[in-house]
Amino acid sequence: MTLEEVRQILEADVLAGSDLHEIHVEMGCGADLMSDVLAFSKMGALLLTGLTNAQVVRTSDMADVVAVCFVRGKVPSEETIKLAIDGNLPLLATGLPMFESCGRLYRKGLQGCSEVCD
């Protein structure tokens, strides 16, 4: 699934990164604890989260996350967006809650991290 397809499914706005057609999303991960992202996500995952601080971008970089989508209508600060732009990390934002966001993506065929073999 491309990040553009994710954007359409979640009716999301693009906050950082504009070339969404070329970014491939292999799996999804929903978490608000960055320690869970480090423990359970895999390279190539899309992170869905309600946290909007700069630590989300830093953790995503460490975990090789391909993009972040903020849920529940949350939008990060300009500082966090600039950090993502500098690190070439696409950011999306949707008004949907996390449960519905994950459900929509799963229903359209995006697997969870636990379903994808290393």
N, C-alpha and C. Protein backbone atom coordinates (compact mmCIF):
# COMPACT_ATOMS: atom_id res chain seq x y z
N MET A 1 0.86 -1.17 0.00
CA MET A 1 0.00 0.00 0.00
C MET A 1 0.91 1.24 0.00
N THR A 2 0.54 2.24 -0.76
CA THR A 2 1.32 3.47 -0.76
C THR A 2 0.84 4.41 0.35
N LEU A 3 1.68 5.34 0.69
CA LEU A 3 1.29 6.32 1.70
C LEU A 3 0.14 7.20 1.20
N GLU A 4 0.06 7.40 -0.09
CA GLU A 4 -1.07 8.16 -0.66
C GLU A 4 -2.38 7.40 -0.43
N GLU A 5 -2.34 6.08 -0.59
CA GLU A 5 -3.54 5.29 -0.31
C GLU A 5 -3.92 5.40 1.17
N VAL A 6 -2.93 5.37 2.04
CA VAL A 6 -3.18 5.55 3.47
C VAL A 6 -3.86 6.89 3.71
N ARG A 7 -3.31 7.94 3.09
CA ARG A 7 -3.89 9.28 3.25
C ARG A 7 -5.36 9.31 2.85
N GLN A 8 -5.66 8.68 1.73
CA GLN A 8 -7.04 8.67 1.25
C GLN A 8 -7.95 7.87 2.18
N ILE A 9 -7.51 6.71 2.61
CA ILE A 9 -8.32 5.85 3.49
C ILE A 9 -8.63 6.55 4.81
N LEU A 10 -7.64 7.28 5.34
CA LEU A 10 -7.81 7.93 6.63
C LEU A 10 -8.29 9.38 6.50
N GLU A 11 -8.50 9.83 5.26
CA GLU A 11 -8.93 11.21 5.02
C GLU A 11 -7.99 12.17 5.76
N ALA A 12 -6.69 11.93 5.59
CA ALA A 12 -5.67 12.64 6.35
C ALA A 12 -5.10 13.83 5.59
N ASP A 13 -4.56 14.76 6.35
CA ASP A 13 -3.83 15.89 5.80
C ASP A 13 -2.34 15.57 5.84
N VAL A 14 -1.61 16.10 4.87
CA VAL A 14 -0.16 15.93 4.83
C VAL A 14 0.47 17.10 5.56
N LEU A 15 1.28 16.79 6.59
CA LEU A 15 1.97 17.82 7.36
C LEU A 15 3.43 17.96 6.94
N ALA A 16 4.01 16.87 6.50
CA ALA A 16 5.41 16.87 6.05
C ALA A 16 5.58 15.75 5.03
N GLY A 17 6.36 16.01 3.99
CA GLY A 17 6.56 15.01 2.94
C GLY A 17 5.45 15.11 1.92
N SER A 18 5.81 15.26 0.69
CA SER A 18 4.78 15.46 -0.33
C SER A 18 4.75 14.39 -1.41
N ASP A 19 5.76 13.55 -1.48
CA ASP A 19 5.81 12.56 -2.54
C ASP A 19 5.27 11.22 -2.03
N LEU A 20 3.98 11.20 -1.71
CA LEU A 20 3.38 10.05 -1.04
C LEU A 20 3.17 8.85 -1.95
N HIS A 21 3.12 9.07 -3.26
CA HIS A 21 2.87 7.97 -4.20
C HIS A 21 4.00 6.96 -4.23
N GLU A 22 5.21 7.41 -3.93
CA GLU A 22 6.36 6.53 -4.04
C GLU A 22 6.73 5.83 -2.75
N ILE A 23 6.10 6.18 -1.66
CA ILE A 23 6.46 5.58 -0.37
C ILE A 23 5.58 4.37 -0.11
N HIS A 24 6.23 3.22 0.04
CA HIS A 24 5.52 1.97 0.28
C HIS A 24 5.42 1.70 1.78
N VAL A 25 4.22 1.42 2.23
CA VAL A 25 3.96 1.08 3.63
C VAL A 25 3.73 -0.43 3.69
N GLU A 26 4.59 -1.13 4.42
CA GLU A 26 4.51 -2.59 4.48
C GLU A 26 3.56 -3.09 5.55
N MET A 27 3.43 -2.33 6.65
CA MET A 27 2.62 -2.77 7.79
C MET A 27 2.30 -1.55 8.65
N GLY A 28 1.41 -1.76 9.61
CA GLY A 28 1.02 -0.68 10.50
C GLY A 28 1.25 -1.01 11.96
N CYS A 29 1.41 0.05 12.74
CA CYS A 29 1.63 -0.07 14.19
C CYS A 29 0.91 1.09 14.86
N GLY A 30 0.05 0.81 15.81
CA GLY A 30 -0.63 1.85 16.56
C GLY A 30 -0.15 1.86 18.00
N ALA A 31 0.40 3.00 18.45
CA ALA A 31 0.92 3.06 19.82
C ALA A 31 1.04 4.51 20.29
N ASP A 32 0.83 4.70 21.57
CA ASP A 32 1.08 5.98 22.20
C ASP A 32 2.27 5.91 23.15
N LEU A 33 2.80 4.73 23.37
CA LEU A 33 4.01 4.57 24.17
C LEU A 33 5.18 4.34 23.23
N MET A 34 6.15 5.24 23.25
CA MET A 34 7.27 5.11 22.34
C MET A 34 8.12 3.89 22.68
N SER A 35 8.09 3.44 23.92
CA SER A 35 8.80 2.20 24.25
C SER A 35 8.17 1.02 23.53
N ASP A 36 6.84 1.04 23.34
CA ASP A 36 6.18 -0.02 22.57
C ASP A 36 6.58 0.04 21.09
N VAL A 37 6.75 1.23 20.56
CA VAL A 37 7.17 1.38 19.17
C VAL A 37 8.54 0.73 19.00
N LEU A 38 9.46 1.02 19.92
CA LEU A 38 10.80 0.43 19.83
C LEU A 38 10.77 -1.08 20.00
N ALA A 39 9.86 -1.57 20.84
CA ALA A 39 9.82 -3.01 21.13
C ALA A 39 9.08 -3.81 20.06
N PHE A 40 8.04 -3.24 19.47
CA PHE A 40 7.14 -4.05 18.64
C PHE A 40 7.03 -3.66 17.17
N SER A 41 7.47 -2.47 16.80
CA SER A 41 7.35 -2.09 15.40
C SER A 41 8.50 -2.70 14.61
N LYS A 42 8.35 -2.67 13.30
CA LYS A 42 9.37 -3.22 12.41
C LYS A 42 9.68 -2.21 11.32
N MET A 43 10.83 -2.39 10.70
CA MET A 43 11.23 -1.52 9.61
C MET A 43 10.16 -1.55 8.52
N GLY A 44 9.79 -0.37 8.04
CA GLY A 44 8.80 -0.28 6.98
C GLY A 44 7.38 -0.04 7.47
N ALA A 45 7.22 0.13 8.78
CA ALA A 45 5.89 0.31 9.35
C ALA A 45 5.43 1.76 9.31
N LEU A 46 4.14 1.93 9.25
CA LEU A 46 3.48 3.22 9.46
C LEU A 46 3.11 3.27 10.94
N LEU A 47 3.46 4.35 11.62
CA LEU A 47 3.10 4.52 13.02
C LEU A 47 1.88 5.41 13.12
N LEU A 48 0.85 4.92 13.79
CA LEU A 48 -0.32 5.73 14.12
C LEU A 48 -0.24 6.03 15.61
N THR A 49 -0.33 7.32 15.96
CA THR A 49 -0.18 7.71 17.35
C THR A 49 -0.93 8.99 17.66
N GLY A 50 -1.23 9.18 18.93
CA GLY A 50 -1.84 10.41 19.40
C GLY A 50 -0.83 11.33 20.05
N LEU A 51 0.41 10.88 20.18
CA LEU A 51 1.46 11.73 20.74
C LEU A 51 1.98 12.67 19.67
N THR A 52 2.24 13.89 20.04
CA THR A 52 2.65 14.88 19.04
C THR A 52 3.99 15.55 19.35
N ASN A 53 4.73 15.05 20.31
CA ASN A 53 5.99 15.70 20.65
C ASN A 53 7.13 15.25 19.73
N ALA A 54 8.26 15.92 19.87
CA ALA A 54 9.41 15.64 19.01
C ALA A 54 9.95 14.22 19.22
N GLN A 55 9.70 13.64 20.39
CA GLN A 55 10.18 12.29 20.66
C GLN A 55 9.58 11.27 19.68
N VAL A 56 8.40 11.54 19.16
CA VAL A 56 7.78 10.65 18.18
C VAL A 56 8.65 10.57 16.92
N VAL A 57 9.15 11.70 16.48
CA VAL A 57 10.01 11.73 15.29
C VAL A 57 11.33 11.03 15.58
N ARG A 58 11.91 11.29 16.72
CA ARG A 58 13.19 10.66 17.07
C ARG A 58 13.04 9.14 17.19
N THR A 59 11.97 8.70 17.84
CA THR A 59 11.73 7.26 18.00
C THR A 59 11.46 6.62 16.64
N SER A 60 10.70 7.28 15.80
CA SER A 60 10.41 6.76 14.47
C SER A 60 11.67 6.57 13.66
N ASP A 61 12.59 7.50 13.80
CA ASP A 61 13.87 7.37 13.11
C ASP A 61 14.63 6.16 13.61
N MET A 62 14.69 5.96 14.91
CA MET A 62 15.39 4.82 15.50
C MET A 62 14.76 3.49 15.09
N ALA A 63 13.43 3.47 14.94
CA ALA A 63 12.70 2.24 14.63
C ALA A 63 12.53 2.02 13.12
N ASP A 64 13.08 2.89 12.30
CA ASP A 64 12.96 2.80 10.84
C ASP A 64 11.50 2.80 10.38
N VAL A 65 10.69 3.61 11.03
CA VAL A 65 9.29 3.81 10.63
C VAL A 65 9.29 4.63 9.35
N VAL A 66 8.41 4.30 8.38
CA VAL A 66 8.41 5.02 7.11
C VAL A 66 7.60 6.32 7.15
N ALA A 67 6.64 6.40 8.06
CA ALA A 67 5.81 7.60 8.17
C ALA A 67 5.04 7.54 9.48
N VAL A 68 4.55 8.71 9.90
CA VAL A 68 3.74 8.81 11.11
C VAL A 68 2.41 9.45 10.74
N CYS A 69 1.34 8.90 11.29
CA CYS A 69 0.03 9.52 11.15
C CYS A 69 -0.51 9.81 12.55
N PHE A 70 -0.75 11.09 12.80
CA PHE A 70 -1.32 11.50 14.09
C PHE A 70 -2.83 11.32 14.02
N VAL A 71 -3.40 10.75 15.06
CA VAL A 71 -4.83 10.44 15.09
C VAL A 71 -5.55 11.38 16.05
N ARG A 72 -6.88 11.25 16.09
CA ARG A 72 -7.73 12.01 17.00
C ARG A 72 -7.66 13.53 16.79
N GLY A 73 -7.33 13.94 15.57
CA GLY A 73 -7.28 15.37 15.27
C GLY A 73 -6.10 16.10 15.86
N LYS A 74 -5.12 15.36 16.35
CA LYS A 74 -3.96 15.99 16.97
C LYS A 74 -2.98 16.45 15.89
N VAL A 75 -2.35 17.59 16.15
CA VAL A 75 -1.36 18.14 15.23
C VAL A 75 -0.12 18.53 16.04
N PRO A 76 1.05 18.11 15.57
CA PRO A 76 2.28 18.43 16.31
C PRO A 76 2.68 19.90 16.16
N SER A 77 3.61 20.31 16.98
CA SER A 77 4.12 21.68 16.92
C SER A 77 4.95 21.88 15.65
N GLU A 78 5.20 23.13 15.33
CA GLU A 78 6.04 23.46 14.17
C GLU A 78 7.44 22.88 14.35
N GLU A 79 7.93 22.86 15.59
CA GLU A 79 9.26 22.29 15.88
C GLU A 79 9.30 20.80 15.50
N THR A 80 8.25 20.08 15.86
CA THR A 80 8.19 18.65 15.54
C THR A 80 8.08 18.44 14.03
N ILE A 81 7.28 19.24 13.37
CA ILE A 81 7.15 19.14 11.92
C ILE A 81 8.48 19.44 11.24
N LYS A 82 9.20 20.46 11.70
CA LYS A 82 10.51 20.80 11.13
C LYS A 82 11.50 19.66 11.33
N LEU A 83 11.47 19.04 12.49
CA LEU A 83 12.35 17.90 12.76
C LEU A 83 12.06 16.75 11.79
N ALA A 84 10.78 16.52 11.52
CA ALA A 84 10.40 15.47 10.56
C ALA A 84 10.84 15.82 9.15
N ILE A 85 10.68 17.07 8.76
CA ILE A 85 11.11 17.50 7.43
C ILE A 85 12.62 17.33 7.29
N ASP A 86 13.35 17.75 8.32
CA ASP A 86 14.82 17.63 8.30
C ASP A 86 15.25 16.16 8.21
N GLY A 87 14.47 15.26 8.82
CA GLY A 87 14.78 13.84 8.80
C GLY A 87 14.12 13.08 7.67
N ASN A 88 13.41 13.81 6.79
CA ASN A 88 12.73 13.20 5.65
C ASN A 88 11.69 12.16 6.09
N LEU A 89 10.96 12.47 7.16
CA LEU A 89 9.92 11.58 7.67
C LEU A 89 8.55 12.17 7.35
N PRO A 90 7.77 11.52 6.51
CA PRO A 90 6.43 12.03 6.21
C PRO A 90 5.52 12.01 7.44
N LEU A 91 4.73 13.06 7.58
CA LEU A 91 3.75 13.14 8.66
C LEU A 91 2.37 13.38 8.08
N LEU A 92 1.40 12.63 8.59
CA LEU A 92 0.00 12.82 8.23
C LEU A 92 -0.79 13.10 9.51
N ALA A 93 -1.98 13.63 9.36
CA ALA A 93 -2.86 13.85 10.51
C ALA A 93 -4.29 13.56 10.09
N THR A 94 -4.99 12.78 10.92
CA THR A 94 -6.39 12.45 10.66
C THR A 94 -7.23 12.78 11.89
N GLY A 95 -8.46 13.10 11.65
CA GLY A 95 -9.39 13.35 12.74
C GLY A 95 -9.96 12.07 13.33
N LEU A 96 -9.70 10.95 12.68
CA LEU A 96 -10.24 9.67 13.14
C LEU A 96 -9.54 9.20 14.41
N PRO A 97 -10.25 8.47 15.27
CA PRO A 97 -9.58 7.88 16.44
C PRO A 97 -8.64 6.76 16.01
N MET A 98 -7.75 6.36 16.91
CA MET A 98 -6.77 5.34 16.56
C MET A 98 -7.42 4.01 16.18
N PHE A 99 -8.41 3.59 16.96
CA PHE A 99 -9.05 2.30 16.69
C PHE A 99 -9.64 2.27 15.29
N GLU A 100 -10.36 3.30 14.91
CA GLU A 100 -10.97 3.33 13.58
C GLU A 100 -9.91 3.46 12.49
N SER A 101 -8.87 4.23 12.73
CA SER A 101 -7.79 4.38 11.75
C SER A 101 -7.14 3.03 11.47
N CYS A 102 -6.79 2.33 12.53
CA CYS A 102 -6.18 1.00 12.37
C CYS A 102 -7.15 0.05 11.67
N GLY A 103 -8.40 0.10 12.06
CA GLY A 103 -9.41 -0.78 11.47
C GLY A 103 -9.60 -0.54 9.99
N ARG A 104 -9.66 0.71 9.59
CA ARG A 104 -9.82 1.03 8.17
C ARG A 104 -8.64 0.50 7.35
N LEU A 105 -7.44 0.71 7.86
CA LEU A 105 -6.25 0.25 7.14
C LEU A 105 -6.18 -1.26 7.08
N TYR A 106 -6.52 -1.91 8.17
CA TYR A 106 -6.50 -3.38 8.22
C TYR A 106 -7.52 -3.96 7.25
N ARG A 107 -8.69 -3.36 7.23
CA ARG A 107 -9.75 -3.82 6.33
C ARG A 107 -9.34 -3.68 4.87
N LYS A 108 -8.50 -2.69 4.57
CA LYS A 108 -8.02 -2.48 3.19
C LYS A 108 -6.78 -3.31 2.87
N GLY A 109 -6.33 -4.14 3.83
CA GLY A 109 -5.25 -5.07 3.54
C GLY A 109 -3.91 -4.77 4.17
N LEU A 110 -3.77 -3.70 4.93
CA LEU A 110 -2.51 -3.41 5.58
C LEU A 110 -2.36 -4.31 6.80
N GLN A 111 -1.30 -5.08 6.85
CA GLN A 111 -1.07 -5.99 7.96
C GLN A 111 -0.47 -5.27 9.16
N GLY A 112 -0.62 -5.90 10.32
CA GLY A 112 0.03 -5.41 11.53
C GLY A 112 1.44 -5.95 11.61
N CYS A 113 2.25 -5.32 12.44
CA CYS A 113 3.66 -5.74 12.58
C CYS A 113 3.79 -7.19 13.01
N SER A 114 2.87 -7.69 13.82
CA SER A 114 2.97 -9.07 14.30
C SER A 114 2.70 -10.09 13.20
N GLU A 115 2.08 -9.64 12.11
CA GLU A 115 1.73 -10.56 11.02
C GLU A 115 2.81 -10.66 9.95
N VAL A 116 3.76 -9.74 9.98
CA VAL A 116 4.80 -9.70 8.95
C VAL A 116 6.05 -10.35 9.51
N CYS A 117 6.56 -11.35 8.80
CA CYS A 117 7.78 -12.03 9.22
C CYS A 117 8.99 -11.18 8.92
N ASP A 118 9.99 -11.30 9.78
CA ASP A 118 11.25 -10.56 9.55
C ASP A 118 12.02 -11.14 8.41
